[in-house]
Amino acid sequence: MDHQAFTQGVRPGSVTTGHEIIILICYLMREIGRPVTYEQLSQALMSQQLVNYFEFADAMSSLEKSGHILADGEHRWSLSPLGEQTAATFQSTLPLAVRERAVGSLEKILTLLKRQQENQVFIEKREDGYTVTLTITDIGSDLLSVSIFMPTREECEAIRRRFLNDPTYVYKGVFALLTGDTATVGDLLPSKEDLFE
């Protein structure tokens, strides 16, 4: 008989047994389809209150020992063929809402990480406030680099979040305003997704 998972801090309707947590991890890794770190997996599941940290750690340890997951040289995990089979066979035993929340959460984390790698935000303290520099990098020259003065750190953080949520929107807006060419950039509609939620 499967043991009941420790559910402190876990929202009702989530997985409640160690076996279910193992299936959820395999399912999530299969759906994402690329290597992920331990931290990314735990953050995705715990931010949605789908699992307890101790149960997550226990499940990851079990999956490693059983050969369901494999680590690469950069401390990223991927599914073995056994893990793939487990996910495919048992995914329907997990509630659909749990599966969707887990995948959506990890996708947000990975999208934000990609945006942070491709774009830079530098906040510099000044005598009378802060300067925020936003840069969209490219293979050669930067596509955009703009600095703005803000009086508080909180305002800088708000700008950082908005920029990383949708760097393309910022680029299109600056391009359209400076060139007067609104036709080239198309509609200036920001993304409704908040990667920081």
N, C-alpha and C. Protein backbone atom coordinates (compact mmCIF):
# COMPACT_ATOMS: atom_id res chain seq x y z
N MET A 1 0.84 -1.18 0.00
CA MET A 1 0.00 0.00 0.00
C MET A 1 0.89 1.24 0.00
N ASP A 2 0.58 2.21 -0.88
CA ASP A 2 1.40 3.41 -1.04
C ASP A 2 1.22 4.33 0.16
N HIS A 3 2.31 4.89 0.64
CA HIS A 3 2.23 5.77 1.80
C HIS A 3 1.65 7.13 1.41
N GLN A 4 0.98 7.73 2.35
CA GLN A 4 0.42 9.07 2.18
C GLN A 4 1.58 10.07 2.23
N ALA A 5 1.62 11.00 1.28
CA ALA A 5 2.69 11.99 1.23
C ALA A 5 2.47 13.05 2.31
N PHE A 6 3.55 13.66 2.73
CA PHE A 6 3.48 14.79 3.66
C PHE A 6 2.93 15.97 2.88
N THR A 7 1.77 16.49 3.29
CA THR A 7 1.06 17.46 2.45
C THR A 7 1.03 18.88 3.03
N GLN A 8 1.87 19.18 4.00
CA GLN A 8 1.92 20.55 4.53
C GLN A 8 2.29 21.51 3.41
N GLY A 9 1.48 22.55 3.20
CA GLY A 9 1.75 23.55 2.18
C GLY A 9 1.33 23.13 0.78
N VAL A 10 0.63 22.01 0.65
CA VAL A 10 0.18 21.52 -0.65
C VAL A 10 -1.30 21.84 -0.80
N ARG A 11 -1.67 22.42 -1.94
CA ARG A 11 -3.08 22.80 -2.14
C ARG A 11 -3.95 21.56 -2.30
N PRO A 12 -5.21 21.64 -1.86
CA PRO A 12 -6.13 20.51 -2.02
C PRO A 12 -6.29 20.17 -3.51
N GLY A 13 -6.42 18.89 -3.78
CA GLY A 13 -6.58 18.43 -5.16
C GLY A 13 -5.27 18.09 -5.84
N SER A 14 -4.17 18.31 -5.15
CA SER A 14 -2.86 17.97 -5.72
C SER A 14 -2.56 16.50 -5.44
N VAL A 15 -1.37 16.08 -5.83
CA VAL A 15 -1.00 14.68 -5.62
C VAL A 15 -0.73 14.43 -4.14
N THR A 16 -1.10 13.25 -3.67
CA THR A 16 -1.02 12.99 -2.23
C THR A 16 -0.23 11.74 -1.85
N THR A 17 0.34 11.05 -2.83
CA THR A 17 1.15 9.88 -2.49
C THR A 17 2.53 10.03 -3.14
N GLY A 18 3.50 9.35 -2.57
CA GLY A 18 4.85 9.37 -3.14
C GLY A 18 4.87 8.85 -4.57
N HIS A 19 4.04 7.84 -4.84
CA HIS A 19 3.95 7.27 -6.18
C HIS A 19 3.45 8.32 -7.18
N GLU A 20 2.44 9.10 -6.79
CA GLU A 20 1.90 10.14 -7.67
C GLU A 20 2.93 11.25 -7.94
N ILE A 21 3.72 11.57 -6.93
CA ILE A 21 4.74 12.61 -7.11
C ILE A 21 5.79 12.15 -8.11
N ILE A 22 6.16 10.89 -8.03
CA ILE A 22 7.11 10.31 -8.98
C ILE A 22 6.55 10.39 -10.41
N ILE A 23 5.29 10.03 -10.57
CA ILE A 23 4.66 10.10 -11.89
C ILE A 23 4.61 11.54 -12.38
N LEU A 24 4.26 12.47 -11.48
CA LEU A 24 4.17 13.89 -11.86
C LEU A 24 5.52 14.41 -12.34
N ILE A 25 6.59 14.06 -11.65
CA ILE A 25 7.92 14.52 -12.07
C ILE A 25 8.26 13.95 -13.45
N CYS A 26 8.01 12.66 -13.65
CA CYS A 26 8.29 12.05 -14.96
C CYS A 26 7.44 12.70 -16.04
N TYR A 27 6.17 12.93 -15.76
CA TYR A 27 5.28 13.56 -16.73
C TYR A 27 5.78 14.96 -17.09
N LEU A 28 6.12 15.73 -16.08
CA LEU A 28 6.57 17.10 -16.30
C LEU A 28 7.84 17.13 -17.14
N MET A 29 8.78 16.28 -16.84
CA MET A 29 10.03 16.24 -17.60
C MET A 29 9.78 15.79 -19.03
N ARG A 30 8.86 14.88 -19.21
CA ARG A 30 8.53 14.39 -20.57
C ARG A 30 7.87 15.50 -21.38
N GLU A 31 6.96 16.24 -20.77
CA GLU A 31 6.25 17.30 -21.48
C GLU A 31 7.19 18.45 -21.87
N ILE A 32 8.13 18.79 -21.00
CA ILE A 32 9.06 19.88 -21.28
C ILE A 32 10.04 19.46 -22.37
N GLY A 33 10.48 18.21 -22.32
CA GLY A 33 11.28 17.66 -23.41
C GLY A 33 12.71 18.14 -23.51
N ARG A 34 13.25 18.66 -22.44
CA ARG A 34 14.66 19.06 -22.45
C ARG A 34 15.20 18.96 -21.02
N PRO A 35 16.51 18.87 -20.86
CA PRO A 35 17.07 18.76 -19.51
C PRO A 35 16.74 19.97 -18.66
N VAL A 36 16.45 19.72 -17.37
CA VAL A 36 16.14 20.78 -16.42
C VAL A 36 16.90 20.54 -15.13
N THR A 37 17.08 21.59 -14.36
CA THR A 37 17.79 21.45 -13.10
C THR A 37 16.83 21.03 -11.99
N TYR A 38 17.41 20.54 -10.94
CA TYR A 38 16.65 20.17 -9.73
C TYR A 38 15.88 21.39 -9.23
N GLU A 39 16.54 22.55 -9.20
CA GLU A 39 15.93 23.78 -8.70
C GLU A 39 14.74 24.21 -9.57
N GLN A 40 14.89 24.09 -10.88
CA GLN A 40 13.78 24.47 -11.77
C GLN A 40 12.57 23.57 -11.55
N LEU A 41 12.80 22.28 -11.41
CA LEU A 41 11.70 21.35 -11.14
C LEU A 41 11.03 21.64 -9.81
N SER A 42 11.84 21.81 -8.76
CA SER A 42 11.25 22.04 -7.44
C SER A 42 10.51 23.37 -7.40
N GLN A 43 11.06 24.40 -8.02
CA GLN A 43 10.39 25.71 -8.04
C GLN A 43 9.06 25.63 -8.78
N ALA A 44 9.04 24.93 -9.90
CA ALA A 44 7.81 24.80 -10.68
C ALA A 44 6.71 24.10 -9.88
N LEU A 45 7.04 23.05 -9.20
CA LEU A 45 6.04 22.29 -8.46
C LEU A 45 5.65 22.95 -7.14
N MET A 46 6.60 23.53 -6.46
CA MET A 46 6.28 24.13 -5.16
C MET A 46 5.63 25.50 -5.30
N SER A 47 5.94 26.24 -6.36
CA SER A 47 5.30 27.55 -6.54
C SER A 47 3.80 27.38 -6.80
N GLN A 48 3.40 26.24 -7.31
CA GLN A 48 1.99 25.94 -7.54
C GLN A 48 1.39 25.12 -6.39
N GLN A 49 2.17 24.89 -5.36
CA GLN A 49 1.76 24.12 -4.18
C GLN A 49 1.26 22.72 -4.57
N LEU A 50 1.98 22.11 -5.50
CA LEU A 50 1.61 20.77 -5.97
C LEU A 50 2.26 19.67 -5.16
N VAL A 51 3.41 19.97 -4.57
CA VAL A 51 4.12 18.98 -3.74
C VAL A 51 4.80 19.70 -2.58
N ASN A 52 5.15 18.93 -1.59
CA ASN A 52 5.94 19.41 -0.47
C ASN A 52 7.42 19.20 -0.81
N TYR A 53 8.31 20.08 -0.35
CA TYR A 53 9.72 19.98 -0.71
C TYR A 53 10.32 18.64 -0.30
N PHE A 54 10.01 18.17 0.89
CA PHE A 54 10.61 16.92 1.38
C PHE A 54 10.15 15.73 0.54
N GLU A 55 8.89 15.73 0.16
CA GLU A 55 8.38 14.66 -0.69
C GLU A 55 9.00 14.75 -2.09
N PHE A 56 9.18 15.98 -2.58
CA PHE A 56 9.83 16.17 -3.88
C PHE A 56 11.25 15.62 -3.85
N ALA A 57 12.01 15.99 -2.81
CA ALA A 57 13.40 15.53 -2.68
C ALA A 57 13.46 14.01 -2.60
N ASP A 58 12.55 13.41 -1.86
CA ASP A 58 12.50 11.95 -1.73
C ASP A 58 12.19 11.30 -3.08
N ALA A 59 11.25 11.88 -3.83
CA ALA A 59 10.88 11.34 -5.14
C ALA A 59 12.04 11.45 -6.13
N MET A 60 12.74 12.58 -6.13
CA MET A 60 13.89 12.74 -7.03
C MET A 60 14.98 11.72 -6.71
N SER A 61 15.22 11.50 -5.44
CA SER A 61 16.22 10.51 -5.03
C SER A 61 15.82 9.11 -5.50
N SER A 62 14.55 8.79 -5.34
CA SER A 62 14.05 7.47 -5.78
C SER A 62 14.17 7.32 -7.29
N LEU A 63 13.84 8.39 -8.03
CA LEU A 63 13.92 8.34 -9.49
C LEU A 63 15.35 8.17 -9.97
N GLU A 64 16.28 8.82 -9.28
CA GLU A 64 17.69 8.67 -9.65
C GLU A 64 18.18 7.24 -9.39
N LYS A 65 17.85 6.72 -8.22
CA LYS A 65 18.29 5.37 -7.86
C LYS A 65 17.70 4.30 -8.78
N SER A 66 16.45 4.51 -9.19
CA SER A 66 15.78 3.50 -10.03
C SER A 66 16.13 3.65 -11.51
N GLY A 67 16.85 4.72 -11.86
CA GLY A 67 17.25 4.92 -13.25
C GLY A 67 16.19 5.56 -14.12
N HIS A 68 15.18 6.16 -13.51
CA HIS A 68 14.15 6.87 -14.28
C HIS A 68 14.65 8.21 -14.82
N ILE A 69 15.59 8.84 -14.08
CA ILE A 69 16.16 10.12 -14.51
C ILE A 69 17.68 10.02 -14.52
N LEU A 70 18.29 10.81 -15.40
CA LEU A 70 19.74 10.80 -15.57
C LEU A 70 20.27 12.22 -15.52
N ALA A 71 21.42 12.41 -14.89
CA ALA A 71 22.03 13.73 -14.80
C ALA A 71 23.11 13.88 -15.86
N ASP A 72 23.26 15.11 -16.37
CA ASP A 72 24.36 15.38 -17.29
C ASP A 72 25.47 16.09 -16.52
N GLY A 73 26.52 16.50 -17.20
CA GLY A 73 27.65 17.14 -16.55
C GLY A 73 27.38 18.54 -16.04
N GLU A 74 26.21 19.11 -16.38
CA GLU A 74 25.87 20.46 -15.95
C GLU A 74 24.76 20.46 -14.90
N HIS A 75 24.61 19.34 -14.21
CA HIS A 75 23.62 19.19 -13.13
C HIS A 75 22.19 19.39 -13.62
N ARG A 76 21.93 18.95 -14.85
CA ARG A 76 20.57 18.99 -15.40
C ARG A 76 20.08 17.56 -15.53
N TRP A 77 18.79 17.39 -15.35
CA TRP A 77 18.19 16.07 -15.36
C TRP A 77 17.34 15.87 -16.61
N SER A 78 17.36 14.64 -17.11
CA SER A 78 16.48 14.26 -18.21
C SER A 78 15.95 12.86 -17.93
N LEU A 79 14.90 12.49 -18.64
CA LEU A 79 14.30 11.17 -18.44
C LEU A 79 15.07 10.10 -19.18
N SER A 80 15.18 8.96 -18.58
CA SER A 80 15.70 7.77 -19.26
C SER A 80 14.52 7.14 -20.01
N PRO A 81 14.77 6.13 -20.85
CA PRO A 81 13.64 5.43 -21.49
C PRO A 81 12.64 4.88 -20.47
N LEU A 82 13.13 4.44 -19.31
CA LEU A 82 12.24 3.95 -18.25
C LEU A 82 11.34 5.08 -17.73
N GLY A 83 11.92 6.27 -17.55
CA GLY A 83 11.14 7.43 -17.11
C GLY A 83 10.11 7.84 -18.14
N GLU A 84 10.50 7.78 -19.42
CA GLU A 84 9.57 8.10 -20.51
C GLU A 84 8.38 7.13 -20.48
N GLN A 85 8.68 5.86 -20.31
CA GLN A 85 7.63 4.84 -20.28
C GLN A 85 6.71 5.05 -19.08
N THR A 86 7.27 5.38 -17.93
CA THR A 86 6.48 5.63 -16.73
C THR A 86 5.51 6.80 -16.96
N ALA A 87 6.03 7.88 -17.54
CA ALA A 87 5.19 9.05 -17.81
C ALA A 87 4.07 8.71 -18.77
N ALA A 88 4.38 8.01 -19.86
CA ALA A 88 3.38 7.67 -20.86
C ALA A 88 2.32 6.72 -20.31
N THR A 89 2.73 5.79 -19.49
CA THR A 89 1.81 4.78 -18.96
C THR A 89 0.88 5.32 -17.89
N PHE A 90 1.40 6.16 -17.01
CA PHE A 90 0.63 6.55 -15.83
C PHE A 90 0.15 7.99 -15.79
N GLN A 91 0.40 8.79 -16.83
CA GLN A 91 0.05 10.20 -16.78
C GLN A 91 -1.45 10.43 -16.55
N SER A 92 -2.28 9.55 -17.07
CA SER A 92 -3.73 9.74 -16.93
C SER A 92 -4.22 9.53 -15.50
N THR A 93 -3.36 8.99 -14.62
CA THR A 93 -3.76 8.82 -13.22
C THR A 93 -3.66 10.14 -12.45
N LEU A 94 -3.01 11.14 -13.04
CA LEU A 94 -2.87 12.45 -12.39
C LEU A 94 -4.02 13.36 -12.80
N PRO A 95 -4.52 14.18 -11.89
CA PRO A 95 -5.58 15.13 -12.27
C PRO A 95 -5.08 16.07 -13.37
N LEU A 96 -5.96 16.35 -14.34
CA LEU A 96 -5.60 17.22 -15.46
C LEU A 96 -5.14 18.59 -14.98
N ALA A 97 -5.82 19.16 -13.99
CA ALA A 97 -5.45 20.50 -13.49
C ALA A 97 -4.04 20.50 -12.91
N VAL A 98 -3.65 19.43 -12.25
CA VAL A 98 -2.31 19.32 -11.68
C VAL A 98 -1.28 19.27 -12.81
N ARG A 99 -1.56 18.47 -13.83
CA ARG A 99 -0.65 18.37 -14.96
C ARG A 99 -0.48 19.73 -15.65
N GLU A 100 -1.59 20.41 -15.88
CA GLU A 100 -1.53 21.71 -16.57
C GLU A 100 -0.79 22.75 -15.76
N ARG A 101 -1.04 22.80 -14.45
CA ARG A 101 -0.35 23.79 -13.59
C ARG A 101 1.15 23.52 -13.55
N ALA A 102 1.52 22.26 -13.47
CA ALA A 102 2.94 21.90 -13.41
C ALA A 102 3.66 22.30 -14.69
N VAL A 103 3.10 21.95 -15.83
CA VAL A 103 3.74 22.27 -17.11
C VAL A 103 3.79 23.78 -17.32
N GLY A 104 2.68 24.47 -17.06
CA GLY A 104 2.65 25.93 -17.22
C GLY A 104 3.67 26.63 -16.35
N SER A 105 3.81 26.17 -15.12
CA SER A 105 4.76 26.76 -14.18
C SER A 105 6.20 26.58 -14.65
N LEU A 106 6.55 25.37 -15.08
CA LEU A 106 7.93 25.12 -15.54
C LEU A 106 8.21 25.86 -16.84
N GLU A 107 7.22 25.95 -17.73
CA GLU A 107 7.42 26.71 -18.97
C GLU A 107 7.72 28.17 -18.67
N LYS A 108 7.03 28.76 -17.70
CA LYS A 108 7.29 30.15 -17.31
C LYS A 108 8.72 30.31 -16.79
N ILE A 109 9.14 29.40 -15.94
CA ILE A 109 10.48 29.46 -15.36
C ILE A 109 11.54 29.38 -16.46
N LEU A 110 11.36 28.47 -17.41
CA LEU A 110 12.35 28.31 -18.48
C LEU A 110 12.32 29.49 -19.46
N THR A 111 11.14 30.05 -19.71
CA THR A 111 11.04 31.23 -20.58
C THR A 111 11.73 32.42 -19.94
N LEU A 112 11.51 32.62 -18.64
CA LEU A 112 12.17 33.73 -17.94
C LEU A 112 13.68 33.55 -17.95
N LEU A 113 14.15 32.34 -17.73
CA LEU A 113 15.60 32.07 -17.76
C LEU A 113 16.18 32.41 -19.13
N LYS A 114 15.48 32.02 -20.19
CA LYS A 114 15.93 32.31 -21.56
C LYS A 114 15.97 33.83 -21.80
N ARG A 115 14.95 34.52 -21.34
CA ARG A 115 14.91 35.97 -21.51
C ARG A 115 16.04 36.65 -20.74
N GLN A 116 16.35 36.14 -19.56
CA GLN A 116 17.44 36.72 -18.77
C GLN A 116 18.79 36.47 -19.42
N GLN A 117 18.91 35.38 -20.18
CA GLN A 117 20.16 35.09 -20.88
C GLN A 117 20.31 35.94 -22.13
N GLU A 118 19.20 36.24 -22.79
CA GLU A 118 19.22 36.98 -24.05
C GLU A 118 19.14 38.49 -23.87
N ASN A 119 18.74 38.94 -22.70
CA ASN A 119 18.53 40.36 -22.43
C ASN A 119 19.18 40.71 -21.09
N GLN A 120 19.64 41.92 -20.99
CA GLN A 120 20.33 42.34 -19.76
C GLN A 120 19.62 43.52 -19.13
N VAL A 121 19.55 43.48 -17.81
CA VAL A 121 19.03 44.61 -17.04
C VAL A 121 20.09 44.94 -16.00
N PHE A 122 20.56 46.17 -16.05
CA PHE A 122 21.59 46.60 -15.12
C PHE A 122 21.05 47.79 -14.34
N ILE A 123 20.98 47.65 -13.02
CA ILE A 123 20.48 48.73 -12.15
C ILE A 123 21.67 49.29 -11.39
N GLU A 124 21.91 50.59 -11.56
CA GLU A 124 23.06 51.24 -10.94
C GLU A 124 22.60 52.34 -10.00
N LYS A 125 23.09 52.31 -8.76
CA LYS A 125 22.75 53.33 -7.77
C LYS A 125 23.45 54.62 -8.12
N ARG A 126 22.68 55.70 -8.05
CA ARG A 126 23.21 57.05 -8.27
C ARG A 126 23.03 57.85 -6.99
N GLU A 127 23.59 59.04 -6.98
CA GLU A 127 23.49 59.88 -5.79
C GLU A 127 22.04 60.23 -5.47
N ASP A 128 21.24 60.44 -6.50
CA ASP A 128 19.86 60.88 -6.30
C ASP A 128 18.83 59.86 -6.76
N GLY A 129 19.22 58.62 -6.98
CA GLY A 129 18.29 57.59 -7.42
C GLY A 129 19.01 56.44 -8.09
N TYR A 130 18.48 55.98 -9.20
CA TYR A 130 19.02 54.81 -9.90
C TYR A 130 18.95 55.01 -11.41
N THR A 131 19.86 54.37 -12.11
CA THR A 131 19.79 54.28 -13.56
C THR A 131 19.55 52.82 -13.92
N VAL A 132 18.53 52.59 -14.75
CA VAL A 132 18.23 51.25 -15.24
C VAL A 132 18.64 51.20 -16.70
N THR A 133 19.50 50.25 -17.06
CA THR A 133 19.90 50.07 -18.45
C THR A 133 19.34 48.74 -18.94
N LEU A 134 18.55 48.80 -20.01
CA LEU A 134 17.93 47.62 -20.62
C LEU A 134 18.62 47.34 -21.94
N THR A 135 19.06 46.12 -22.13
CA THR A 135 19.78 45.76 -23.36
C THR A 135 19.23 44.48 -23.94
N ILE A 136 18.93 44.53 -25.24
CA ILE A 136 18.56 43.33 -25.99
C ILE A 136 19.79 42.97 -26.81
N THR A 137 20.38 41.83 -26.47
CA THR A 137 21.63 41.43 -27.11
C THR A 137 21.36 40.65 -28.39
N ASP A 138 22.38 40.55 -29.22
CA ASP A 138 22.31 39.78 -30.45
C ASP A 138 23.69 39.15 -30.64
N ILE A 139 23.85 38.39 -31.71
CA ILE A 139 25.13 37.73 -31.97
C ILE A 139 26.24 38.75 -32.17
N GLY A 140 25.93 39.83 -32.90
CA GLY A 140 26.92 40.89 -33.13
C GLY A 140 26.64 42.05 -32.19
N SER A 141 26.27 43.17 -32.76
CA SER A 141 25.95 44.35 -31.97
C SER A 141 24.63 44.16 -31.24
N ASP A 142 24.47 44.88 -30.12
CA ASP A 142 23.21 44.83 -29.40
C ASP A 142 22.10 45.43 -30.27
N LEU A 143 20.90 44.87 -30.18
CA LEU A 143 19.77 45.39 -30.93
C LEU A 143 19.23 46.67 -30.31
N LEU A 144 19.30 46.75 -28.99
CA LEU A 144 18.78 47.91 -28.28
C LEU A 144 19.49 48.04 -26.95
N SER A 145 19.83 49.26 -26.59
CA SER A 145 20.32 49.54 -25.26
C SER A 145 19.82 50.92 -24.88
N VAL A 146 19.05 50.98 -23.81
CA VAL A 146 18.46 52.24 -23.38
C VAL A 146 18.58 52.35 -21.87
N SER A 147 18.87 53.56 -21.39
CA SER A 147 18.98 53.81 -19.96
C SER A 147 17.94 54.84 -19.55
N ILE A 148 17.42 54.66 -18.36
CA ILE A 148 16.43 55.60 -17.83
C ILE A 148 16.68 55.79 -16.34
N PHE A 149 16.49 57.03 -15.89
CA PHE A 149 16.66 57.34 -14.47
C PHE A 149 15.35 57.07 -13.74
N MET A 150 15.45 56.45 -12.56
CA MET A 150 14.28 56.21 -11.72
C MET A 150 14.65 56.58 -10.28
N PRO A 151 13.71 57.16 -9.54
CA PRO A 151 14.03 57.60 -8.19
C PRO A 151 14.17 56.48 -7.15
N THR A 152 13.46 55.34 -7.35
CA THR A 152 13.51 54.29 -6.33
C THR A 152 13.90 52.93 -6.92
N ARG A 153 14.40 52.08 -6.06
CA ARG A 153 14.76 50.72 -6.45
C ARG A 153 13.51 49.92 -6.86
N GLU A 154 12.40 50.16 -6.16
CA GLU A 154 11.15 49.46 -6.47
C GLU A 154 10.71 49.75 -7.90
N GLU A 155 10.83 51.01 -8.34
CA GLU A 155 10.46 51.36 -9.71
C GLU A 155 11.39 50.68 -10.71
N CYS A 156 12.65 50.57 -10.36
CA CYS A 156 13.61 49.87 -11.22
C CYS A 156 13.23 48.40 -11.37
N GLU A 157 12.85 47.78 -10.27
CA GLU A 157 12.45 46.37 -10.31
C GLU A 157 11.18 46.18 -11.14
N ALA A 158 10.25 47.14 -11.06
CA ALA A 158 9.03 47.06 -11.87
C ALA A 158 9.38 47.14 -13.36
N ILE A 159 10.31 48.03 -13.72
CA ILE A 159 10.76 48.15 -15.11
C ILE A 159 11.45 46.87 -15.56
N ARG A 160 12.31 46.32 -14.70
CA ARG A 160 13.00 45.06 -15.02
C ARG A 160 12.00 43.96 -15.33
N ARG A 161 10.98 43.84 -14.49
CA ARG A 161 9.97 42.79 -14.70
C ARG A 161 9.21 43.00 -16.00
N ARG A 162 8.78 44.23 -16.25
CA ARG A 162 8.03 44.50 -17.48
C ARG A 162 8.89 44.21 -18.71
N PHE A 163 10.14 44.62 -18.65
CA PHE A 163 11.05 44.39 -19.77
C PHE A 163 11.25 42.90 -20.03
N LEU A 164 11.55 42.13 -18.98
CA LEU A 164 11.81 40.71 -19.15
C LEU A 164 10.54 39.92 -19.51
N ASN A 165 9.39 40.43 -19.12
CA ASN A 165 8.13 39.80 -19.52
C ASN A 165 7.93 39.86 -21.03
N ASP A 166 8.38 40.97 -21.66
CA ASP A 166 8.14 41.13 -23.09
C ASP A 166 9.15 42.08 -23.72
N PRO A 167 10.41 41.64 -23.90
CA PRO A 167 11.44 42.51 -24.49
C PRO A 167 11.09 42.96 -25.91
N THR A 168 10.40 42.11 -26.66
CA THR A 168 10.03 42.46 -28.03
C THR A 168 9.09 43.66 -28.06
N TYR A 169 8.19 43.72 -27.11
CA TYR A 169 7.26 44.85 -27.01
C TYR A 169 8.03 46.15 -26.78
N VAL A 170 9.01 46.11 -25.90
CA VAL A 170 9.84 47.29 -25.62
C VAL A 170 10.59 47.70 -26.89
N TYR A 171 11.20 46.72 -27.55
CA TYR A 171 11.95 47.02 -28.78
C TYR A 171 11.05 47.64 -29.84
N LYS A 172 9.90 47.02 -30.07
CA LYS A 172 8.98 47.53 -31.08
C LYS A 172 8.52 48.95 -30.74
N GLY A 173 8.24 49.20 -29.47
CA GLY A 173 7.77 50.52 -29.05
C GLY A 173 8.83 51.59 -29.24
N VAL A 174 10.05 51.31 -28.83
CA VAL A 174 11.15 52.27 -28.99
C VAL A 174 11.42 52.50 -30.48
N PHE A 175 11.47 51.43 -31.26
CA PHE A 175 11.71 51.53 -32.69
C PHE A 175 10.65 52.41 -33.36
N ALA A 176 9.38 52.15 -33.04
CA ALA A 176 8.28 52.90 -33.65
C ALA A 176 8.33 54.37 -33.26
N LEU A 177 8.60 54.65 -31.98
CA LEU A 177 8.64 56.04 -31.52
C LEU A 177 9.81 56.82 -32.13
N LEU A 178 10.97 56.18 -32.22
CA LEU A 178 12.15 56.89 -32.70
C LEU A 178 12.19 57.03 -34.22
N THR A 179 11.65 56.06 -34.93
CA THR A 179 11.68 56.13 -36.40
C THR A 179 10.40 56.68 -37.01
N GLY A 180 9.32 56.68 -36.24
CA GLY A 180 8.03 57.08 -36.77
C GLY A 180 7.42 56.02 -37.65
N ASP A 181 8.04 54.87 -37.72
CA ASP A 181 7.58 53.77 -38.59
C ASP A 181 6.77 52.78 -37.76
N THR A 182 5.49 53.05 -37.63
CA THR A 182 4.64 52.14 -36.86
C THR A 182 4.17 50.95 -37.69
N ALA A 183 4.21 51.08 -39.02
CA ALA A 183 3.75 49.99 -39.89
C ALA A 183 4.67 48.78 -39.81
N THR A 184 5.97 49.01 -39.70
CA THR A 184 6.94 47.91 -39.68
C THR A 184 6.78 47.03 -38.44
N VAL A 185 6.52 47.64 -37.28
CA VAL A 185 6.48 46.87 -36.05
C VAL A 185 5.13 46.22 -35.79
N GLY A 186 4.08 46.63 -36.51
CA GLY A 186 2.76 46.03 -36.30
C GLY A 186 2.12 46.53 -35.03
N ASP A 187 1.14 45.80 -34.54
CA ASP A 187 0.40 46.21 -33.35
C ASP A 187 1.31 46.22 -32.13
N LEU A 188 1.18 47.25 -31.33
CA LEU A 188 1.95 47.34 -30.09
C LEU A 188 1.09 46.85 -28.93
N LEU A 189 0.98 45.54 -28.83
CA LEU A 189 0.21 44.94 -27.76
C LEU A 189 1.14 44.14 -26.86
N PRO A 190 1.18 44.50 -25.58
CA PRO A 190 2.06 43.76 -24.67
C PRO A 190 1.55 42.35 -24.40
N SER A 191 2.45 41.48 -24.04
CA SER A 191 2.07 40.13 -23.65
C SER A 191 1.25 40.20 -22.37
N LYS A 192 0.23 39.35 -22.29
CA LYS A 192 -0.60 39.32 -21.08
C LYS A 192 -0.02 38.41 -20.02
N GLU A 193 0.99 37.66 -20.39
CA GLU A 193 1.60 36.70 -19.46
C GLU A 193 2.57 37.42 -18.53
N ASP A 194 2.51 37.06 -17.24
CA ASP A 194 3.45 37.59 -16.27
C ASP A 194 4.34 36.43 -15.81
N LEU A 195 5.58 36.45 -16.24
CA LEU A 195 6.50 35.35 -15.91
C LEU A 195 6.91 35.36 -14.45
N PHE A 196 6.61 36.45 -13.74
CA PHE A 196 7.03 36.57 -12.35
C PHE A 196 5.94 36.16 -11.36
N GLU A 197 4.77 35.78 -11.86
CA GLU A 197 3.70 35.36 -10.95
C GLU A 197 3.96 33.98 -10.41
